[in-house]
N, C-alpha and C. Protein backbone atom coordinates (compact mmCIF):
# COMPACT_ATOMS: atom_id res chain seq x y z
N MET A 1 81.88 99.46 194.66
CA MET A 1 81.84 99.59 193.77
C MET A 1 82.01 99.14 192.30
N LEU A 2 82.27 98.35 191.64
CA LEU A 2 82.83 99.19 190.53
C LEU A 2 81.52 98.09 189.57
N HIS A 3 81.85 99.42 188.08
CA HIS A 3 80.83 99.16 187.58
C HIS A 3 81.57 98.84 186.27
N LYS A 4 80.64 98.07 185.53
CA LYS A 4 80.48 97.50 184.32
C LYS A 4 81.13 98.79 183.15
N TRP A 5 82.47 97.92 181.84
CA TRP A 5 83.26 99.01 181.65
C TRP A 5 82.02 99.34 179.99
N ALA A 6 81.86 99.68 179.44
CA ALA A 6 80.48 99.04 178.08
C ALA A 6 81.52 99.60 176.46
N LYS A 7 81.53 99.45 175.52
CA LYS A 7 82.06 98.70 174.83
C LYS A 7 81.98 100.13 173.94
N TYR A 8 82.41 100.99 172.93
CA TYR A 8 82.12 101.90 172.26
C TYR A 8 83.04 101.86 170.54
N LYS A 9 82.30 102.63 170.15
CA LYS A 9 82.78 103.37 168.72
C LYS A 9 83.03 104.81 168.96
N LEU A 10 84.45 104.41 168.38
CA LEU A 10 84.74 106.21 168.93
C LEU A 10 84.56 107.42 167.89
N GLY A 11 83.74 106.79 166.36
CA GLY A 11 83.13 108.08 165.90
C GLY A 11 81.31 108.30 166.72
N ASP A 12 80.78 106.90 167.66
CA ASP A 12 79.74 107.46 168.05
C ASP A 12 79.80 108.65 169.29
N LEU A 13 81.32 109.09 169.22
CA LEU A 13 81.12 110.21 170.42
C LEU A 13 81.70 110.87 169.80
N ILE A 14 82.12 111.61 169.16
CA ILE A 14 82.75 113.06 168.63
C ILE A 14 82.66 113.04 167.75
N ASN A 15 82.53 114.26 166.57
CA ASN A 15 82.59 115.25 165.99
C ASN A 15 83.24 115.08 165.38
N TYR A 16 83.95 115.76 164.52
CA TYR A 16 84.94 115.69 163.34
C TYR A 16 84.91 116.94 162.69
N GLN A 17 86.42 117.60 162.18
CA GLN A 17 86.06 119.24 161.27
C GLN A 17 87.66 118.30 160.51
N LYS A 18 87.59 118.05 159.04
CA LYS A 18 89.08 118.04 158.29
C LYS A 18 89.12 119.37 158.02
N GLY A 19 91.05 119.48 157.80
CA GLY A 19 92.15 120.85 158.39
C GLY A 19 90.80 121.19 156.35
N PHE A 20 91.66 122.20 156.21
CA PHE A 20 91.29 122.73 154.99
C PHE A 20 92.68 122.67 154.07
N ALA A 21 92.60 123.80 152.58
CA ALA A 21 94.05 123.24 151.40
C ALA A 21 94.55 124.09 152.07
N PHE A 22 95.41 124.91 152.12
CA PHE A 22 95.06 126.07 152.94
C PHE A 22 96.58 126.76 151.85
N LYS A 23 96.17 127.70 150.82
CA LYS A 23 97.13 128.17 149.65
C LYS A 23 98.61 128.94 151.11
N SER A 24 100.17 128.28 150.16
CA SER A 24 100.81 128.95 150.81
C SER A 24 100.77 130.10 150.60
N ASP A 25 100.32 130.47 149.64
CA ASP A 25 100.67 132.25 148.97
C ASP A 25 99.34 132.94 150.26
N TRP A 26 98.61 132.34 151.22
CA TRP A 26 98.11 132.84 151.86
C TRP A 26 98.97 133.18 152.94
N PHE A 27 100.32 133.20 152.96
CA PHE A 27 101.15 132.56 155.04
C PHE A 27 101.67 133.98 155.13
N LYS A 28 101.00 134.35 156.04
CA LYS A 28 101.94 135.62 156.82
C LYS A 28 102.44 135.73 157.58
N SER A 29 103.51 137.44 157.77
CA SER A 29 104.52 136.80 159.61
C SER A 29 103.73 137.14 160.73
N GLU A 30 102.38 137.92 159.76
CA GLU A 30 101.49 138.51 160.49
C GLU A 30 99.73 137.92 161.14
N GLY A 31 98.62 138.17 161.69
CA GLY A 31 97.72 137.20 161.84
C GLY A 31 97.20 136.12 162.71
N ASN A 32 96.32 135.23 162.17
CA ASN A 32 95.98 133.77 162.59
C ASN A 32 97.20 132.65 162.46
N LEU A 33 96.32 132.13 163.56
CA LEU A 33 97.28 130.99 163.25
C LEU A 33 97.37 130.04 162.21
N VAL A 34 98.00 129.19 161.70
CA VAL A 34 97.48 127.44 160.81
C VAL A 34 98.43 126.38 161.20
N VAL A 35 97.48 126.01 161.61
CA VAL A 35 98.55 125.14 162.43
C VAL A 35 98.20 123.77 160.53
N ARG A 36 99.88 123.11 160.88
CA ARG A 36 99.60 122.06 160.28
C ARG A 36 100.84 120.66 160.99
N VAL A 37 100.45 119.21 160.90
CA VAL A 37 100.55 118.12 160.62
C VAL A 37 102.57 118.52 161.58
N SER A 38 102.78 119.62 160.51
CA SER A 38 104.46 119.35 160.64
C SER A 38 104.95 120.39 161.53
N ASP A 39 103.28 120.90 162.52
CA ASP A 39 103.81 122.37 163.75
C ASP A 39 103.74 121.51 164.98
N THR A 40 103.37 119.82 164.08
CA THR A 40 102.51 118.85 166.24
C THR A 40 104.03 118.40 166.96
N THR A 41 104.06 118.29 167.83
CA THR A 41 106.05 117.60 169.13
C THR A 41 105.33 116.37 169.35
N SER A 42 105.51 116.47 169.94
CA SER A 42 104.50 114.39 170.37
C SER A 42 103.46 114.32 170.97
N ASN A 43 102.91 115.79 171.43
CA ASN A 43 101.61 115.71 172.25
C ASN A 43 100.94 116.33 172.24
N SER A 44 101.84 117.71 172.02
CA SER A 44 101.06 119.82 170.97
C SER A 44 101.13 120.27 169.98
N ILE A 45 100.62 120.75 169.38
CA ILE A 45 101.80 122.15 168.94
C ILE A 45 102.52 123.40 169.39
N ASP A 46 103.70 122.81 168.05
CA ASP A 46 104.39 124.65 168.54
C ASP A 46 103.65 125.65 168.07
N ILE A 47 103.64 126.32 168.55
CA ILE A 47 103.33 127.36 167.92
C ILE A 47 104.24 128.30 167.33
N THR A 48 105.64 127.89 167.87
CA THR A 48 106.83 128.93 166.78
C THR A 48 106.77 128.54 165.50
N SER A 49 106.42 127.89 164.60
CA SER A 49 106.34 127.07 163.40
C SER A 49 105.31 127.53 162.92
N CYS A 50 104.42 127.73 163.03
CA CYS A 50 103.23 128.06 162.52
C CYS A 50 103.14 129.03 161.53
N GLN A 51 102.53 128.57 160.54
CA GLN A 51 102.49 130.29 159.41
C GLN A 51 101.31 130.60 159.88
N ARG A 52 101.21 131.75 159.61
CA ARG A 52 100.09 132.22 159.91
C ARG A 52 98.31 133.01 158.71
N ILE A 53 98.43 133.86 158.45
CA ILE A 53 96.47 133.96 157.58
C ILE A 53 96.23 135.22 158.11
N GLU A 54 96.14 136.55 156.88
CA GLU A 54 95.46 137.97 157.48
C GLU A 54 93.84 136.99 157.96
N PRO A 55 93.86 138.26 159.06
CA PRO A 55 92.30 137.92 159.13
C PRO A 55 90.97 137.67 158.60
N ASP A 56 90.96 138.56 157.91
CA ASP A 56 89.68 138.17 156.54
C ASP A 56 89.43 137.09 155.98
N LYS A 57 91.15 136.47 155.41
CA LYS A 57 90.46 134.80 155.14
C LYS A 57 89.86 134.72 156.89
N ALA A 58 90.61 134.49 157.79
CA ALA A 58 90.37 133.43 158.31
C ALA A 58 89.17 133.42 159.12
N LEU A 59 88.32 134.88 159.36
CA LEU A 59 86.52 135.43 158.75
C LEU A 59 86.01 133.81 158.39
N ALA A 60 86.33 133.51 157.35
CA ALA A 60 85.52 132.90 156.46
C ALA A 60 86.13 130.85 156.55
N LEU A 61 86.74 131.31 157.59
CA LEU A 61 87.31 129.54 157.19
C LEU A 61 86.77 129.22 158.40
N GLN A 62 85.91 129.69 159.82
CA GLN A 62 85.37 129.04 161.49
C GLN A 62 85.96 127.81 161.98
N LYS A 63 85.08 126.96 160.35
CA LYS A 63 84.96 125.66 160.37
C LYS A 63 86.55 125.06 161.60
N TYR A 64 87.07 125.75 160.71
CA TYR A 64 89.36 125.03 160.93
C TYR A 64 89.12 124.98 161.95
N LYS A 65 88.09 125.99 162.91
CA LYS A 65 88.92 126.12 164.26
C LYS A 65 88.96 125.58 164.98
N LEU A 66 90.38 125.50 165.94
CA LEU A 66 90.24 125.15 167.64
C LEU A 66 90.55 125.11 168.21
N GLU A 67 90.32 124.58 169.96
CA GLU A 67 89.72 124.82 170.47
C GLU A 67 90.42 124.40 171.27
N LYS A 68 90.60 124.82 172.82
CA LYS A 68 92.00 124.17 173.76
C LYS A 68 91.59 123.01 174.18
N ASN A 69 92.78 122.02 174.01
CA ASN A 69 91.80 120.76 174.51
C ASN A 69 91.20 119.77 173.05
N ASP A 70 91.63 120.08 171.47
CA ASP A 70 90.01 119.47 170.54
C ASP A 70 92.10 118.66 170.98
N ILE A 71 91.40 117.25 169.66
CA ILE A 71 92.03 116.47 170.11
C ILE A 71 92.39 116.56 168.22
N VAL A 72 93.82 116.76 168.05
CA VAL A 72 94.48 116.37 166.74
C VAL A 72 95.20 114.83 166.17
N ILE A 73 94.62 114.71 165.02
CA ILE A 73 94.93 113.81 164.35
C ILE A 73 95.40 114.00 162.88
N ALA A 74 96.97 112.92 163.01
CA ALA A 74 97.22 113.62 161.46
C ALA A 74 97.07 112.55 160.46
N THR A 75 96.62 112.74 159.55
CA THR A 75 95.82 111.55 158.60
C THR A 75 96.54 111.18 156.75
N VAL A 76 98.36 111.17 157.24
CA VAL A 76 98.75 111.41 156.75
C VAL A 76 100.00 111.76 156.89
N GLY A 77 101.89 110.76 156.73
CA GLY A 77 102.80 110.63 157.63
C GLY A 77 103.06 110.15 156.98
N SER A 78 104.51 110.06 157.86
CA SER A 78 105.51 108.19 157.35
C SER A 78 104.61 107.18 158.08
N TRP A 79 105.50 106.08 158.15
CA TRP A 79 105.29 105.14 158.32
C TRP A 79 106.38 105.10 159.50
N PRO A 80 105.74 103.72 161.27
CA PRO A 80 107.04 103.84 162.10
C PRO A 80 108.17 103.20 161.58
N PRO A 81 109.32 103.57 162.25
CA PRO A 81 109.43 103.97 162.93
C PRO A 81 109.62 105.57 163.18
N ASN A 82 109.70 106.07 162.31
CA ASN A 82 109.91 107.85 162.40
C ASN A 82 108.69 108.85 162.73
N TYR A 83 108.99 108.68 164.59
CA TYR A 83 107.10 109.29 165.31
C TYR A 83 107.07 110.54 164.96
N SER A 84 107.92 111.25 164.80
CA SER A 84 108.02 112.38 164.66
C SER A 84 106.68 112.78 164.05
N SER A 85 107.33 112.20 162.56
CA SER A 85 105.56 112.52 161.14
C SER A 85 105.14 111.57 161.25
N VAL A 86 104.81 110.36 161.92
CA VAL A 86 103.80 109.08 161.64
C VAL A 86 102.33 109.52 161.65
N VAL A 87 102.33 108.58 160.33
CA VAL A 87 99.90 108.65 160.38
C VAL A 87 100.04 108.12 161.88
N GLY A 88 99.10 108.87 162.23
CA GLY A 88 98.04 109.53 163.37
C GLY A 88 98.71 109.35 164.35
N LYS A 89 99.55 110.01 164.60
CA LYS A 89 100.36 110.59 166.00
C LYS A 89 98.83 111.65 165.29
N VAL A 90 98.45 111.88 167.45
CA VAL A 90 97.27 112.69 168.15
C VAL A 90 97.89 113.53 168.94
N VAL A 91 97.77 114.82 168.97
CA VAL A 91 98.09 115.97 170.36
C VAL A 91 96.72 116.38 170.46
N LYS A 92 97.12 117.53 171.70
CA LYS A 92 96.50 117.94 172.21
C LYS A 92 96.40 118.96 172.67
N VAL A 93 94.62 120.19 171.95
CA VAL A 93 95.70 121.86 171.73
C VAL A 93 96.07 122.27 172.58
N PRO A 94 97.02 122.99 173.34
CA PRO A 94 97.43 123.87 174.21
C PRO A 94 96.68 125.01 174.18
N ILE A 95 96.53 125.74 174.95
CA ILE A 95 95.99 126.84 175.15
C ILE A 95 96.30 127.77 173.69
N GLU A 96 98.10 127.72 173.64
CA GLU A 96 98.34 128.92 172.87
C GLU A 96 97.25 128.95 171.75
N ALA A 97 97.08 128.11 171.56
CA ALA A 97 97.23 127.31 169.57
C ALA A 97 95.33 127.30 169.80
N ASP A 98 94.70 128.03 170.10
CA ASP A 98 93.72 128.09 170.83
C ASP A 98 92.83 129.18 170.04
N GLY A 99 91.78 128.80 168.79
CA GLY A 99 91.49 129.51 167.57
C GLY A 99 92.33 130.31 166.86
N GLY A 100 92.86 128.54 166.16
CA GLY A 100 94.38 128.40 165.03
C GLY A 100 93.03 127.89 164.27
N LEU A 101 93.76 127.38 163.21
CA LEU A 101 93.05 126.77 162.12
C LEU A 101 93.74 125.45 161.91
N LEU A 102 93.05 125.18 161.02
CA LEU A 102 93.34 123.92 161.60
C LEU A 102 93.95 123.14 159.39
N ASN A 103 94.91 122.97 159.48
CA ASN A 103 95.60 122.49 158.20
C ASN A 103 94.49 121.15 157.17
N GLN A 104 95.12 121.43 155.80
CA GLN A 104 94.94 119.61 155.44
C GLN A 104 95.72 118.68 156.00
N ASN A 105 95.81 117.22 155.52
CA ASN A 105 96.00 116.38 156.03
C ASN A 105 96.28 116.45 157.49
N ALA A 106 95.20 116.64 158.02
CA ALA A 106 95.16 116.16 159.53
C ALA A 106 92.88 116.09 160.35
N VAL A 107 92.89 115.98 161.67
CA VAL A 107 91.14 115.69 162.18
C VAL A 107 91.06 116.57 163.08
N ARG A 108 90.19 117.12 162.78
CA ARG A 108 90.38 117.65 165.03
C ARG A 108 89.03 117.21 165.41
N LEU A 109 89.51 115.79 166.31
CA LEU A 109 87.83 115.42 167.08
C LEU A 109 87.03 116.21 168.88
N ARG A 110 86.46 116.02 168.84
CA ARG A 110 85.46 117.09 169.25
C ARG A 110 85.14 116.03 170.36
N SER A 111 84.36 115.27 171.40
CA SER A 111 83.42 114.92 171.22
C SER A 111 82.43 115.60 171.57
N ASN A 112 80.95 114.83 171.31
CA ASN A 112 79.92 115.54 170.81
C ASN A 112 78.19 115.34 171.81
N ASP A 113 78.98 114.56 172.58
CA ASP A 113 78.09 114.09 173.64
C ASP A 113 77.76 114.81 174.44
N GLY A 114 77.38 115.33 174.98
CA GLY A 114 77.04 116.75 175.53
C GLY A 114 77.30 116.22 177.37
N GLY A 115 78.78 116.12 177.28
CA GLY A 115 79.32 114.85 178.55
C GLY A 115 79.66 114.51 179.50
N LYS A 116 79.51 113.21 178.48
CA LYS A 116 78.14 112.20 179.10
C LYS A 116 80.41 111.17 179.07
N HIS A 117 80.46 111.59 178.41
CA HIS A 117 82.54 110.80 177.65
C HIS A 117 83.42 111.97 178.03
N SER A 118 84.19 112.17 179.41
CA SER A 118 85.60 112.54 178.61
C SER A 118 87.06 113.12 177.61
N GLN A 119 87.30 114.20 177.28
CA GLN A 119 87.64 114.74 176.25
C GLN A 119 89.19 114.61 176.58
N GLN A 120 89.76 114.92 177.35
CA GLN A 120 91.02 113.82 178.24
C GLN A 120 91.08 112.08 177.81
N PHE A 121 89.78 111.55 179.25
CA PHE A 121 90.43 109.94 178.53
C PHE A 121 90.21 109.88 177.01
N ILE A 122 89.23 110.29 176.52
CA ILE A 122 89.40 109.62 174.64
C ILE A 122 90.86 110.64 174.19
N TYR A 123 91.88 111.90 174.12
CA TYR A 123 92.72 112.22 174.15
C TYR A 123 94.36 110.64 174.80
N TYR A 124 93.56 110.29 175.82
CA TYR A 124 94.21 109.51 176.44
C TYR A 124 94.39 108.44 175.81
N LEU A 125 92.72 108.44 175.63
CA LEU A 125 92.75 106.02 174.57
C LEU A 125 93.50 106.80 173.23
N MET A 126 93.73 107.33 172.77
CA MET A 126 93.41 107.93 170.94
C MET A 126 95.22 107.54 171.82
N LYS A 127 96.46 108.55 172.33
CA LYS A 127 97.32 108.54 172.99
C LYS A 127 97.84 106.90 173.23
N SER A 128 97.53 106.00 173.80
CA SER A 128 97.13 104.35 174.10
C SER A 128 98.01 103.47 172.83
N GLU A 129 98.91 103.18 173.17
CA GLU A 129 99.97 101.77 172.12
C GLU A 129 98.73 101.38 171.42
N TYR A 130 97.69 100.48 171.78
CA TYR A 130 96.77 100.34 171.79
C TYR A 130 95.73 100.84 170.33
N PHE A 131 95.63 102.19 170.45
CA PHE A 131 94.95 102.70 169.39
C PHE A 131 96.53 103.10 168.44
N SER A 132 97.47 102.93 168.64
CA SER A 132 98.75 103.27 167.93
C SER A 132 98.73 102.02 166.67
N ARG A 133 98.77 101.17 166.98
CA ARG A 133 99.11 99.83 166.52
C ARG A 133 97.35 99.57 165.89
N TYR A 134 96.26 99.86 166.66
CA TYR A 134 94.93 99.74 165.41
C TYR A 134 95.60 100.07 164.24
N ILE A 135 95.61 101.99 164.86
CA ILE A 135 95.73 102.62 163.16
C ILE A 135 97.05 102.68 162.29
N VAL A 136 98.16 102.40 162.51
CA VAL A 136 98.65 102.05 161.99
C VAL A 136 98.61 100.97 160.94
N HIS A 137 97.56 100.34 161.62
CA HIS A 137 97.52 98.72 160.80
C HIS A 137 96.65 98.80 160.12
N THR A 138 95.16 100.09 160.27
CA THR A 138 93.92 100.49 158.93
C THR A 138 95.43 101.39 157.47
N ALA A 139 96.06 101.60 157.61
CA ALA A 139 96.58 102.51 156.84
C ALA A 139 96.92 102.05 155.69
N GLN A 140 96.82 102.78 154.83
CA GLN A 140 97.68 102.83 153.62
C GLN A 140 98.62 103.24 152.66
N GLY A 141 99.16 102.90 151.64
CA GLY A 141 99.58 104.19 150.68
C GLY A 141 101.32 103.50 151.00
N SER A 142 102.17 104.41 149.92
CA SER A 142 103.48 103.88 149.87
C SER A 142 104.88 103.51 150.44
N ALA A 143 106.22 103.09 150.43
CA ALA A 143 106.66 103.16 150.90
C ALA A 143 107.56 104.57 151.88
N ASN A 144 106.88 105.43 151.09
CA ASN A 144 107.24 106.32 151.42
C ASN A 144 105.70 107.08 152.70
N GLN A 145 104.71 107.73 152.26
CA GLN A 145 103.39 107.58 153.27
C GLN A 145 102.82 107.01 153.22
N ALA A 146 101.35 107.77 154.59
CA ALA A 146 101.51 106.29 154.50
C ALA A 146 99.39 107.39 155.02
N SER A 147 98.59 107.12 154.92
CA SER A 147 97.19 107.31 155.42
C SER A 147 96.14 106.78 155.46
N ILE A 148 95.01 107.91 156.70
CA ILE A 148 94.35 105.66 157.06
C ILE A 148 92.84 107.14 156.63
N LYS A 149 92.43 106.55 156.58
CA LYS A 149 90.51 106.26 156.17
C LYS A 149 90.19 107.22 157.74
N LEU A 150 88.51 107.93 157.87
CA LEU A 150 88.52 108.29 158.41
C LEU A 150 87.40 107.80 159.16
N THR A 151 86.83 106.64 158.21
CA THR A 151 86.39 105.51 158.33
C THR A 151 87.07 104.17 159.60
N ASP A 152 88.33 104.42 159.60
CA ASP A 152 89.00 103.70 160.07
C ASP A 152 89.27 104.24 161.59
N ILE A 153 89.43 105.18 161.41
CA ILE A 153 89.21 106.17 163.60
C ILE A 153 87.83 106.03 163.75
N PHE A 154 86.68 106.18 163.13
CA PHE A 154 84.87 105.95 163.61
C PHE A 154 85.77 104.51 164.71
N ASP A 155 86.08 103.30 163.30
CA ASP A 155 85.61 102.42 163.79
C ASP A 155 86.68 102.26 165.10
N PHE A 156 86.94 102.63 164.95
CA PHE A 156 87.35 102.16 166.21
C PHE A 156 86.79 101.67 167.77
N THR A 157 86.97 100.65 168.15
CA THR A 157 86.52 100.20 169.35
C THR A 157 87.18 99.56 170.63
N TYR A 158 86.56 100.21 171.28
CA TYR A 158 86.87 100.15 173.14
C TYR A 158 86.34 99.99 173.56
N ASP A 159 86.21 99.35 175.05
CA ASP A 159 86.36 99.59 176.65
C ASP A 159 85.97 100.88 176.92
N ILE A 160 84.65 101.51 177.98
CA ILE A 160 85.46 103.00 178.92
C ILE A 160 84.26 102.74 180.40
N PRO A 161 84.77 103.16 181.31
CA PRO A 161 84.01 103.48 181.63
C PRO A 161 83.34 104.90 182.48
N GLN A 162 82.35 104.46 183.00
CA GLN A 162 81.06 106.04 183.39
C GLN A 162 82.53 107.15 183.74
N LEU A 163 81.87 108.23 183.69
CA LEU A 163 82.10 109.83 183.13
C LEU A 163 83.14 109.62 185.46
N LYS A 164 82.99 109.23 186.22
CA LYS A 164 83.98 109.59 187.21
C LYS A 164 84.97 108.59 187.06
N GLU A 165 84.99 107.75 186.26
CA GLU A 165 86.11 107.28 186.47
C GLU A 165 86.94 107.77 185.04
N GLN A 166 85.94 108.13 184.15
CA GLN A 166 87.52 108.44 182.40
C GLN A 166 88.24 109.96 183.40
N LYS A 167 86.75 110.32 184.73
CA LYS A 167 87.87 111.26 185.07
C LYS A 167 88.81 110.95 185.83
N SER A 168 88.94 110.74 186.42
CA SER A 168 90.23 110.13 187.41
C SER A 168 90.76 110.01 186.00
N ILE A 169 91.08 108.58 185.72
CA ILE A 169 92.12 107.95 185.03
C ILE A 169 92.64 109.52 183.87
N ALA A 170 91.80 110.42 183.53
CA ALA A 170 92.59 111.39 182.17
C ALA A 170 92.82 112.97 183.17
N GLN A 171 92.82 112.36 184.64
CA GLN A 171 93.16 113.23 186.11
C GLN A 171 94.70 112.75 186.07
N ILE A 172 94.91 111.67 186.70
CA ILE A 172 96.06 110.91 187.34
C ILE A 172 96.72 110.68 185.44
N LEU A 173 96.23 110.76 184.63
CA LEU A 173 97.70 110.86 182.95
C LEU A 173 97.62 112.22 182.90
N SER A 174 97.02 113.28 183.75
CA SER A 174 97.23 114.70 183.07
C SER A 174 98.08 115.27 184.41
N ALA A 175 98.22 114.73 185.11
CA ALA A 175 99.58 114.97 186.25
C ALA A 175 100.69 114.74 186.13
N ILE A 176 101.00 113.26 185.80
CA ILE A 176 101.73 112.43 184.86
C ILE A 176 103.20 113.30 184.14
N ASP A 177 101.47 113.51 182.89
CA ASP A 177 102.30 114.38 181.93
C ASP A 177 102.97 115.69 182.47
N ASP A 178 101.71 116.48 183.26
CA ASP A 178 101.92 117.81 184.04
C ASP A 178 103.83 117.49 184.77
N LYS A 179 103.57 116.10 185.31
CA LYS A 179 105.31 116.15 185.67
C LYS A 179 106.21 116.11 185.10
N ILE A 180 106.13 115.00 183.93
CA ILE A 180 106.73 115.07 183.61
C ILE A 180 107.63 116.73 182.61
N GLN A 181 106.52 117.14 182.15
CA GLN A 181 106.46 118.77 181.43
C GLN A 181 108.09 119.99 182.11
N ASN A 182 106.95 118.91 183.62
CA ASN A 182 108.13 119.74 184.12
C ASN A 182 109.56 119.62 184.48
N ASN A 183 109.47 118.41 184.28
CA ASN A 183 111.03 117.98 184.39
C ASN A 183 111.97 118.05 183.33
N LEU A 184 111.24 118.19 182.28
CA LEU A 184 111.92 118.48 181.06
C LEU A 184 112.19 120.35 181.33
N ALA A 185 111.48 120.72 181.42
CA ALA A 185 111.53 121.85 181.74
C ALA A 185 112.86 122.66 182.96
N ILE A 186 113.47 121.76 183.66
CA ILE A 186 113.98 122.21 184.53
C ILE A 186 115.43 121.05 184.21
N ASN A 187 115.22 120.40 183.57
CA ASN A 187 116.15 119.56 182.60
C ASN A 187 116.37 120.87 181.86
N LYS A 188 116.27 121.04 181.05
CA LYS A 188 116.33 122.32 179.35
C LYS A 188 117.07 123.55 180.68
N THR A 189 116.21 123.81 181.53
CA THR A 189 117.24 125.50 182.97
C THR A 189 118.80 124.62 183.04
N LEU A 190 119.39 123.56 183.88
CA LEU A 190 120.26 123.35 183.65
C LEU A 190 121.10 123.23 183.04
N GLU A 191 120.55 122.83 181.91
CA GLU A 191 121.63 122.11 180.52
C GLU A 191 122.26 123.62 180.79
N GLU A 192 120.81 125.18 180.18
CA GLU A 192 122.13 125.66 179.74
C GLU A 192 122.17 126.64 181.18
């Protein structure tokens, strides 16, 4: 039996934390990761490019801490078609960046409803062309730089199935992502 999908606003399902404006003179070669928008790839975070800060400074900034599978969205960036730095770019925090601290111009989103909605499903929804078009349409700014408001992110309205269906959809999409990453790694090895 198919269940009816219900309409939700993204802001009703998540909590958020805006990134912190780290001072560049805090950056060191060792310490806790600082994740900047420029450290994001198309779907993840490249920790090899991340800056670091001393653990003592990081201790006071725990509210900016990222966890594996958190969703990060760039709130400042370029206009399409410059997709490597496009405003509204959505990535998922990998295990390697777990515990990293989020820098400014990005916001961390995390499901807030005690497991009634799948974090993975929300991530894939935000990776959809539907969300991308919506968020770029709401962006403001000059020819060189665009920005999006949190209220526009939170006002994104969509239909969502029950949790069991969310998990099934997310599992299928995750398996496809894993296969793509595996094939890319094989291709790279073969090229070398």
